Amino acid sequence: MDLRYPVGRYKAPDRIASVQRSIWIRQIEEMPAELKQAVAGLTDAQLDTPYRPMGWTLRQVVHHLADSHLNSYTRFRLALTENSPVIKPYDEAAWAELLDAKSASVAPSLTLLEGLHTRWAALLHSLNDANYARTFTHPELGDSS
């Protein structure tokens, strides 16, 4: 097993049914509370423990989730308001090495995720099949829908 991907690498389905979208939206709605519960009561020493050898700490993972989901939400909005926009990639590993990701309290990221996921889920609930068919272009990976 590749410890960088403890549950395996993501493989996008060829086709996404509305039932699957509903499941994913519910997971987006529930994730902030589940994450908050998972880290509740952890000490700084526990938050600063890597989840695997040579891996990020739990603190970095929490901050990464806020960074990553903020970028994903922005990409959704760009795809809905522009014709196949070219999105800006970012170096996730470099972001995780910034001082705030390595040492700041996880509380602001948990708060950000709560508000962000509320907005994101509301947006996703409002979309129709045509909206979901829209794309953006990743400079390194090509078109995405």
N, C-alpha and C. Protein backbone atom coordinates (compact mmCIF):
# COMPACT_ATOMS: atom_id res chain seq x y z
N MET A 1 0.83 -1.19 0.00
CA MET A 1 0.00 0.00 0.00
C MET A 1 0.88 1.25 0.00
N ASP A 2 0.51 2.22 -0.80
CA ASP A 2 1.20 3.51 -0.84
C ASP A 2 0.64 4.35 0.31
N LEU A 3 1.46 4.62 1.33
CA LEU A 3 1.00 5.33 2.52
C LEU A 3 0.55 6.76 2.24
N ARG A 4 0.94 7.31 1.08
CA ARG A 4 0.44 8.65 0.73
C ARG A 4 -1.05 8.63 0.44
N TYR A 5 -1.57 7.47 0.09
CA TYR A 5 -2.99 7.32 -0.27
C TYR A 5 -3.57 6.14 0.51
N PRO A 6 -3.79 6.33 1.82
CA PRO A 6 -4.19 5.19 2.66
C PRO A 6 -5.52 4.55 2.24
N VAL A 7 -6.37 5.27 1.56
CA VAL A 7 -7.62 4.67 1.07
C VAL A 7 -7.58 4.45 -0.43
N GLY A 8 -6.40 4.64 -1.03
CA GLY A 8 -6.23 4.45 -2.47
C GLY A 8 -6.35 5.76 -3.23
N ARG A 9 -5.85 5.76 -4.44
CA ARG A 9 -5.95 6.94 -5.30
C ARG A 9 -7.36 7.07 -5.82
N TYR A 10 -7.79 8.30 -5.98
CA TYR A 10 -9.14 8.56 -6.49
C TYR A 10 -9.19 8.23 -7.98
N LYS A 11 -10.23 7.52 -8.37
CA LYS A 11 -10.50 7.26 -9.78
C LYS A 11 -11.90 7.77 -10.07
N ALA A 12 -11.97 8.78 -10.90
CA ALA A 12 -13.26 9.39 -11.24
C ALA A 12 -14.10 8.41 -12.05
N PRO A 13 -15.38 8.33 -11.74
CA PRO A 13 -16.26 7.47 -12.54
C PRO A 13 -16.43 8.05 -13.94
N ASP A 14 -16.72 7.19 -14.89
CA ASP A 14 -16.95 7.65 -16.26
C ASP A 14 -18.19 8.53 -16.35
N ARG A 15 -19.20 8.18 -15.57
CA ARG A 15 -20.46 8.92 -15.57
C ARG A 15 -20.92 9.07 -14.13
N ILE A 16 -21.44 10.25 -13.80
CA ILE A 16 -21.89 10.50 -12.44
C ILE A 16 -23.40 10.71 -12.45
N ALA A 17 -24.11 9.80 -11.80
CA ALA A 17 -25.57 9.88 -11.73
C ALA A 17 -25.98 10.89 -10.65
N SER A 18 -27.19 11.41 -10.77
CA SER A 18 -27.67 12.40 -9.81
C SER A 18 -27.72 11.82 -8.39
N VAL A 19 -27.97 10.52 -8.27
CA VAL A 19 -27.97 9.88 -6.95
C VAL A 19 -26.60 10.00 -6.31
N GLN A 20 -25.55 9.75 -7.08
CA GLN A 20 -24.19 9.86 -6.56
C GLN A 20 -23.89 11.30 -6.19
N ARG A 21 -24.31 12.26 -7.02
CA ARG A 21 -24.10 13.67 -6.68
C ARG A 21 -24.75 14.00 -5.35
N SER A 22 -25.96 13.50 -5.12
CA SER A 22 -26.66 13.76 -3.86
C SER A 22 -25.88 13.22 -2.66
N ILE A 23 -25.30 12.05 -2.82
CA ILE A 23 -24.48 11.45 -1.75
C ILE A 23 -23.27 12.34 -1.48
N TRP A 24 -22.61 12.77 -2.55
CA TRP A 24 -21.42 13.61 -2.37
C TRP A 24 -21.77 14.96 -1.75
N ILE A 25 -22.90 15.54 -2.13
CA ILE A 25 -23.32 16.83 -1.55
C ILE A 25 -23.59 16.64 -0.06
N ARG A 26 -24.24 15.55 0.32
CA ARG A 26 -24.50 15.28 1.73
C ARG A 26 -23.18 15.14 2.49
N GLN A 27 -22.19 14.49 1.87
CA GLN A 27 -20.89 14.36 2.51
C GLN A 27 -20.22 15.73 2.68
N ILE A 28 -20.39 16.60 1.69
CA ILE A 28 -19.87 17.97 1.80
C ILE A 28 -20.55 18.69 2.96
N GLU A 29 -21.84 18.49 3.10
CA GLU A 29 -22.58 19.13 4.20
C GLU A 29 -22.12 18.62 5.57
N GLU A 30 -21.84 17.35 5.67
CA GLU A 30 -21.52 16.72 6.95
C GLU A 30 -20.05 16.81 7.34
N MET A 31 -19.17 16.99 6.38
CA MET A 31 -17.73 16.90 6.63
C MET A 31 -17.22 17.87 7.69
N PRO A 32 -17.59 19.14 7.69
CA PRO A 32 -17.02 20.04 8.71
C PRO A 32 -17.31 19.59 10.14
N ALA A 33 -18.53 19.18 10.42
CA ALA A 33 -18.86 18.72 11.78
C ALA A 33 -18.10 17.45 12.13
N GLU A 34 -17.96 16.55 11.16
CA GLU A 34 -17.23 15.31 11.42
C GLU A 34 -15.75 15.59 11.69
N LEU A 35 -15.17 16.51 10.93
CA LEU A 35 -13.77 16.86 11.14
C LEU A 35 -13.59 17.54 12.49
N LYS A 36 -14.49 18.47 12.81
CA LYS A 36 -14.41 19.17 14.10
C LYS A 36 -14.48 18.17 15.25
N GLN A 37 -15.36 17.20 15.13
CA GLN A 37 -15.49 16.17 16.16
C GLN A 37 -14.22 15.31 16.23
N ALA A 38 -13.64 15.00 15.08
CA ALA A 38 -12.45 14.14 15.04
C ALA A 38 -11.24 14.78 15.72
N VAL A 39 -11.14 16.10 15.65
CA VAL A 39 -9.97 16.77 16.24
C VAL A 39 -10.26 17.38 17.61
N ALA A 40 -11.51 17.33 18.04
CA ALA A 40 -11.89 17.92 19.33
C ALA A 40 -11.07 17.29 20.46
N GLY A 41 -10.51 18.15 21.27
CA GLY A 41 -9.78 17.67 22.44
C GLY A 41 -8.36 17.21 22.18
N LEU A 42 -7.92 17.23 20.95
CA LEU A 42 -6.54 16.80 20.67
C LEU A 42 -5.56 17.87 21.18
N THR A 43 -4.45 17.42 21.68
CA THR A 43 -3.40 18.32 22.15
C THR A 43 -2.59 18.81 20.96
N ASP A 44 -1.78 19.85 21.20
CA ASP A 44 -0.88 20.33 20.15
C ASP A 44 0.08 19.22 19.72
N ALA A 45 0.53 18.43 20.68
CA ALA A 45 1.44 17.32 20.33
C ALA A 45 0.75 16.33 19.40
N GLN A 46 -0.51 16.04 19.65
CA GLN A 46 -1.24 15.13 18.77
C GLN A 46 -1.47 15.76 17.40
N LEU A 47 -1.82 17.05 17.37
CA LEU A 47 -2.03 17.74 16.09
C LEU A 47 -0.74 17.83 15.28
N ASP A 48 0.38 17.82 15.97
CA ASP A 48 1.67 17.95 15.29
C ASP A 48 2.33 16.60 15.00
N THR A 49 1.56 15.52 15.08
CA THR A 49 2.04 14.19 14.77
C THR A 49 1.73 13.86 13.32
N PRO A 50 2.73 13.47 12.53
CA PRO A 50 2.45 13.07 11.14
C PRO A 50 1.58 11.81 11.11
N TYR A 51 0.70 11.74 10.12
CA TYR A 51 -0.18 10.58 10.02
C TYR A 51 0.51 9.39 9.36
N ARG A 52 1.67 9.62 8.78
CA ARG A 52 2.48 8.56 8.18
C ARG A 52 3.93 9.03 8.18
N PRO A 53 4.89 8.12 8.02
CA PRO A 53 6.29 8.55 7.94
C PRO A 53 6.49 9.54 6.80
N MET A 54 7.17 10.63 7.08
CA MET A 54 7.47 11.68 6.09
C MET A 54 6.20 12.38 5.59
N GLY A 55 5.12 12.25 6.33
CA GLY A 55 3.85 12.84 5.92
C GLY A 55 3.55 14.12 6.67
N TRP A 56 2.43 14.72 6.30
CA TRP A 56 1.96 15.92 6.97
C TRP A 56 1.47 15.58 8.36
N THR A 57 1.47 16.58 9.21
CA THR A 57 0.87 16.44 10.52
C THR A 57 -0.64 16.57 10.38
N LEU A 58 -1.34 16.17 11.43
CA LEU A 58 -2.79 16.34 11.43
C LEU A 58 -3.15 17.82 11.27
N ARG A 59 -2.40 18.69 11.92
CA ARG A 59 -2.62 20.13 11.79
C ARG A 59 -2.52 20.56 10.32
N GLN A 60 -1.49 20.10 9.64
CA GLN A 60 -1.32 20.45 8.23
C GLN A 60 -2.47 19.90 7.39
N VAL A 61 -2.95 18.71 7.71
CA VAL A 61 -4.05 18.12 6.96
C VAL A 61 -5.31 18.97 7.13
N VAL A 62 -5.60 19.40 8.34
CA VAL A 62 -6.79 20.24 8.57
C VAL A 62 -6.68 21.54 7.77
N HIS A 63 -5.53 22.18 7.82
CA HIS A 63 -5.35 23.42 7.06
C HIS A 63 -5.39 23.15 5.55
N HIS A 64 -4.83 22.00 5.14
CA HIS A 64 -4.89 21.63 3.72
C HIS A 64 -6.34 21.47 3.26
N LEU A 65 -7.17 20.86 4.08
CA LEU A 65 -8.58 20.69 3.70
C LEU A 65 -9.23 22.04 3.46
N ALA A 66 -8.97 23.01 4.32
CA ALA A 66 -9.53 24.35 4.12
C ALA A 66 -9.00 24.95 2.82
N ASP A 67 -7.70 24.88 2.60
CA ASP A 67 -7.11 25.43 1.37
C ASP A 67 -7.66 24.73 0.13
N SER A 68 -7.66 23.41 0.15
CA SER A 68 -8.09 22.62 -1.00
C SER A 68 -9.56 22.85 -1.32
N HIS A 69 -10.40 22.85 -0.31
CA HIS A 69 -11.83 23.00 -0.54
C HIS A 69 -12.18 24.42 -0.98
N LEU A 70 -11.45 25.41 -0.48
CA LEU A 70 -11.64 26.78 -0.95
C LEU A 70 -11.30 26.89 -2.43
N ASN A 71 -10.21 26.25 -2.83
CA ASN A 71 -9.83 26.24 -4.25
C ASN A 71 -10.87 25.50 -5.09
N SER A 72 -11.36 24.39 -4.61
CA SER A 72 -12.36 23.62 -5.36
C SER A 72 -13.65 24.42 -5.53
N TYR A 73 -14.11 25.05 -4.46
CA TYR A 73 -15.32 25.88 -4.52
C TYR A 73 -15.14 27.00 -5.55
N THR A 74 -13.99 27.64 -5.53
CA THR A 74 -13.71 28.71 -6.48
C THR A 74 -13.73 28.17 -7.91
N ARG A 75 -13.19 26.99 -8.12
CA ARG A 75 -13.17 26.39 -9.46
C ARG A 75 -14.59 26.09 -9.94
N PHE A 76 -15.44 25.60 -9.04
CA PHE A 76 -16.85 25.40 -9.41
C PHE A 76 -17.47 26.70 -9.89
N ARG A 77 -17.27 27.75 -9.13
CA ARG A 77 -17.88 29.04 -9.47
C ARG A 77 -17.32 29.58 -10.78
N LEU A 78 -16.03 29.42 -11.00
CA LEU A 78 -15.44 29.86 -12.27
C LEU A 78 -16.05 29.09 -13.44
N ALA A 79 -16.19 27.79 -13.29
CA ALA A 79 -16.75 26.96 -14.37
C ALA A 79 -18.20 27.33 -14.66
N LEU A 80 -18.91 27.79 -13.65
CA LEU A 80 -20.31 28.17 -13.85
C LEU A 80 -20.49 29.56 -14.46
N THR A 81 -19.46 30.38 -14.37
CA THR A 81 -19.61 31.78 -14.81
C THR A 81 -18.73 32.16 -15.99
N GLU A 82 -17.86 31.26 -16.39
CA GLU A 82 -16.98 31.51 -17.54
C GLU A 82 -17.00 30.28 -18.44
N ASN A 83 -16.63 30.46 -19.69
CA ASN A 83 -16.58 29.33 -20.63
C ASN A 83 -15.25 28.62 -20.53
N SER A 84 -15.28 27.42 -19.96
CA SER A 84 -14.11 26.58 -19.78
C SER A 84 -12.87 27.39 -19.33
N PRO A 85 -12.97 28.05 -18.18
CA PRO A 85 -11.85 28.87 -17.72
C PRO A 85 -10.61 28.03 -17.43
N VAL A 86 -9.47 28.63 -17.60
CA VAL A 86 -8.21 28.01 -17.21
C VAL A 86 -8.01 28.37 -15.74
N ILE A 87 -7.94 27.36 -14.90
CA ILE A 87 -7.80 27.61 -13.48
C ILE A 87 -6.32 27.67 -13.10
N LYS A 88 -6.06 28.27 -11.97
CA LYS A 88 -4.69 28.37 -11.47
C LYS A 88 -4.41 27.20 -10.53
N PRO A 89 -3.47 26.35 -10.91
CA PRO A 89 -3.07 25.28 -9.98
C PRO A 89 -2.24 25.89 -8.84
N TYR A 90 -2.06 25.13 -7.79
CA TYR A 90 -1.22 25.59 -6.69
C TYR A 90 -0.44 24.41 -6.15
N ASP A 91 0.67 24.69 -5.55
CA ASP A 91 1.56 23.67 -5.02
C ASP A 91 1.10 23.32 -3.59
N GLU A 92 0.27 22.29 -3.47
CA GLU A 92 -0.30 21.92 -2.17
C GLU A 92 0.79 21.62 -1.14
N ALA A 93 1.83 20.95 -1.56
CA ALA A 93 2.91 20.59 -0.63
C ALA A 93 3.60 21.85 -0.11
N ALA A 94 3.81 22.83 -0.98
CA ALA A 94 4.44 24.08 -0.55
C ALA A 94 3.52 24.84 0.40
N TRP A 95 2.22 24.85 0.10
CA TRP A 95 1.26 25.52 0.99
C TRP A 95 1.31 24.88 2.38
N ALA A 96 1.41 23.56 2.44
CA ALA A 96 1.42 22.84 3.71
C ALA A 96 2.68 23.13 4.53
N GLU A 97 3.72 23.64 3.88
CA GLU A 97 4.96 23.96 4.58
C GLU A 97 5.01 25.40 5.07
N LEU A 98 4.01 26.22 4.71
CA LEU A 98 3.98 27.59 5.21
C LEU A 98 3.73 27.58 6.71
N LEU A 99 4.25 28.59 7.38
CA LEU A 99 4.23 28.60 8.84
C LEU A 99 2.82 28.48 9.41
N ASP A 100 1.82 29.12 8.79
CA ASP A 100 0.46 29.03 9.34
C ASP A 100 -0.06 27.60 9.28
N ALA A 101 0.25 26.89 8.21
CA ALA A 101 -0.21 25.50 8.07
C ALA A 101 0.49 24.58 9.06
N LYS A 102 1.70 24.94 9.44
CA LYS A 102 2.47 24.08 10.33
C LYS A 102 2.26 24.40 11.81
N SER A 103 1.77 25.63 12.11
CA SER A 103 1.73 25.99 13.53
C SER A 103 0.46 26.67 14.01
N ALA A 104 -0.37 27.18 13.13
CA ALA A 104 -1.56 27.91 13.57
C ALA A 104 -2.61 26.97 14.14
N SER A 105 -3.44 27.51 15.00
CA SER A 105 -4.57 26.76 15.53
C SER A 105 -5.42 26.25 14.37
N VAL A 106 -6.01 25.07 14.56
CA VAL A 106 -6.89 24.53 13.52
C VAL A 106 -8.27 25.18 13.56
N ALA A 107 -8.58 25.91 14.62
CA ALA A 107 -9.92 26.50 14.79
C ALA A 107 -10.34 27.38 13.61
N PRO A 108 -9.49 28.28 13.11
CA PRO A 108 -9.93 29.09 11.96
C PRO A 108 -10.23 28.26 10.71
N SER A 109 -9.46 27.21 10.47
CA SER A 109 -9.73 26.36 9.31
C SER A 109 -11.02 25.58 9.49
N LEU A 110 -11.32 25.14 10.72
CA LEU A 110 -12.58 24.45 10.98
C LEU A 110 -13.76 25.40 10.76
N THR A 111 -13.62 26.64 11.21
CA THR A 111 -14.67 27.64 11.01
C THR A 111 -14.84 27.95 9.52
N LEU A 112 -13.73 28.11 8.81
CA LEU A 112 -13.78 28.37 7.38
C LEU A 112 -14.51 27.23 6.66
N LEU A 113 -14.16 26.00 7.00
CA LEU A 113 -14.79 24.85 6.35
C LEU A 113 -16.29 24.81 6.61
N GLU A 114 -16.71 25.17 7.80
CA GLU A 114 -18.14 25.15 8.12
C GLU A 114 -18.91 26.12 7.21
N GLY A 115 -18.46 27.36 7.14
CA GLY A 115 -19.13 28.33 6.28
C GLY A 115 -19.00 28.00 4.80
N LEU A 116 -17.81 27.60 4.41
CA LEU A 116 -17.56 27.26 3.01
C LEU A 116 -18.43 26.11 2.55
N HIS A 117 -18.52 25.06 3.35
CA HIS A 117 -19.31 23.89 2.95
C HIS A 117 -20.80 24.19 2.93
N THR A 118 -21.25 25.11 3.78
CA THR A 118 -22.65 25.53 3.73
C THR A 118 -22.93 26.21 2.40
N ARG A 119 -22.06 27.12 2.00
CA ARG A 119 -22.22 27.81 0.70
C ARG A 119 -22.08 26.84 -0.46
N TRP A 120 -21.09 25.96 -0.40
CA TRP A 120 -20.80 25.02 -1.48
C TRP A 120 -21.98 24.08 -1.69
N ALA A 121 -22.52 23.55 -0.60
CA ALA A 121 -23.66 22.64 -0.71
C ALA A 121 -24.87 23.38 -1.29
N ALA A 122 -25.11 24.60 -0.85
CA ALA A 122 -26.23 25.39 -1.39
C ALA A 122 -26.06 25.58 -2.89
N LEU A 123 -24.86 25.89 -3.31
CA LEU A 123 -24.58 26.04 -4.74
C LEU A 123 -24.84 24.73 -5.47
N LEU A 124 -24.30 23.65 -4.97
CA LEU A 124 -24.43 22.36 -5.64
C LEU A 124 -25.89 21.90 -5.72
N HIS A 125 -26.66 22.15 -4.66
CA HIS A 125 -28.09 21.82 -4.68
C HIS A 125 -28.84 22.60 -5.76
N SER A 126 -28.34 23.79 -6.10
CA SER A 126 -29.05 24.65 -7.05
C SER A 126 -28.77 24.31 -8.51
N LEU A 127 -27.81 23.43 -8.76
CA LEU A 127 -27.38 23.17 -10.13
C LEU A 127 -28.25 22.13 -10.83
N ASN A 128 -28.33 22.26 -12.15
CA ASN A 128 -29.02 21.27 -12.97
C ASN A 128 -27.98 20.49 -13.78
N ASP A 129 -28.44 19.53 -14.56
CA ASP A 129 -27.50 18.69 -15.33
C ASP A 129 -26.63 19.50 -16.28
N ALA A 130 -27.19 20.55 -16.88
CA ALA A 130 -26.40 21.39 -17.79
C ALA A 130 -25.28 22.09 -17.03
N ASN A 131 -25.58 22.54 -15.81
CA ASN A 131 -24.53 23.17 -15.00
C ASN A 131 -23.41 22.18 -14.70
N TYR A 132 -23.80 20.96 -14.36
CA TYR A 132 -22.80 19.95 -14.03
C TYR A 132 -21.97 19.53 -15.24
N ALA A 133 -22.45 19.79 -16.43
CA ALA A 133 -21.71 19.44 -17.65
C ALA A 133 -20.64 20.48 -18.00
N ARG A 134 -20.66 21.63 -17.33
CA ARG A 134 -19.68 22.68 -17.62
C ARG A 134 -18.28 22.22 -17.21
N THR A 135 -17.28 22.81 -17.80
CA THR A 135 -15.91 22.38 -17.55
C THR A 135 -15.01 23.56 -17.21
N PHE A 136 -13.85 23.22 -16.68
CA PHE A 136 -12.74 24.16 -16.57
C PHE A 136 -11.52 23.44 -17.11
N THR A 137 -10.47 24.18 -17.38
CA THR A 137 -9.25 23.59 -17.90
C THR A 137 -8.14 23.76 -16.87
N HIS A 138 -7.54 22.66 -16.52
CA HIS A 138 -6.37 22.68 -15.63
C HIS A 138 -5.15 22.69 -16.54
N PRO A 139 -4.24 23.64 -16.37
CA PRO A 139 -3.09 23.75 -17.29
C PRO A 139 -2.25 22.50 -17.41
N GLU A 140 -2.23 21.66 -16.36
CA GLU A 140 -1.42 20.44 -16.40
C GLU A 140 -2.23 19.19 -16.68
N LEU A 141 -3.53 19.22 -16.35
CA LEU A 141 -4.35 18.00 -16.45
C LEU A 141 -5.39 18.04 -17.54
N GLY A 142 -5.62 19.21 -18.15
CA GLY A 142 -6.61 19.32 -19.22
C GLY A 142 -8.00 19.63 -18.71
N ASP A 143 -9.01 19.30 -19.53
CA ASP A 143 -10.40 19.62 -19.20
C ASP A 143 -10.90 18.76 -18.06
N SER A 144 -11.77 19.36 -17.27
CA SER A 144 -12.39 18.67 -16.14
C SER A 144 -13.85 19.08 -16.08
N SER A 145 -14.72 18.16 -15.73
CA SER A 145 -16.14 18.52 -15.55
C SER A 145 -16.60 18.10 -14.19
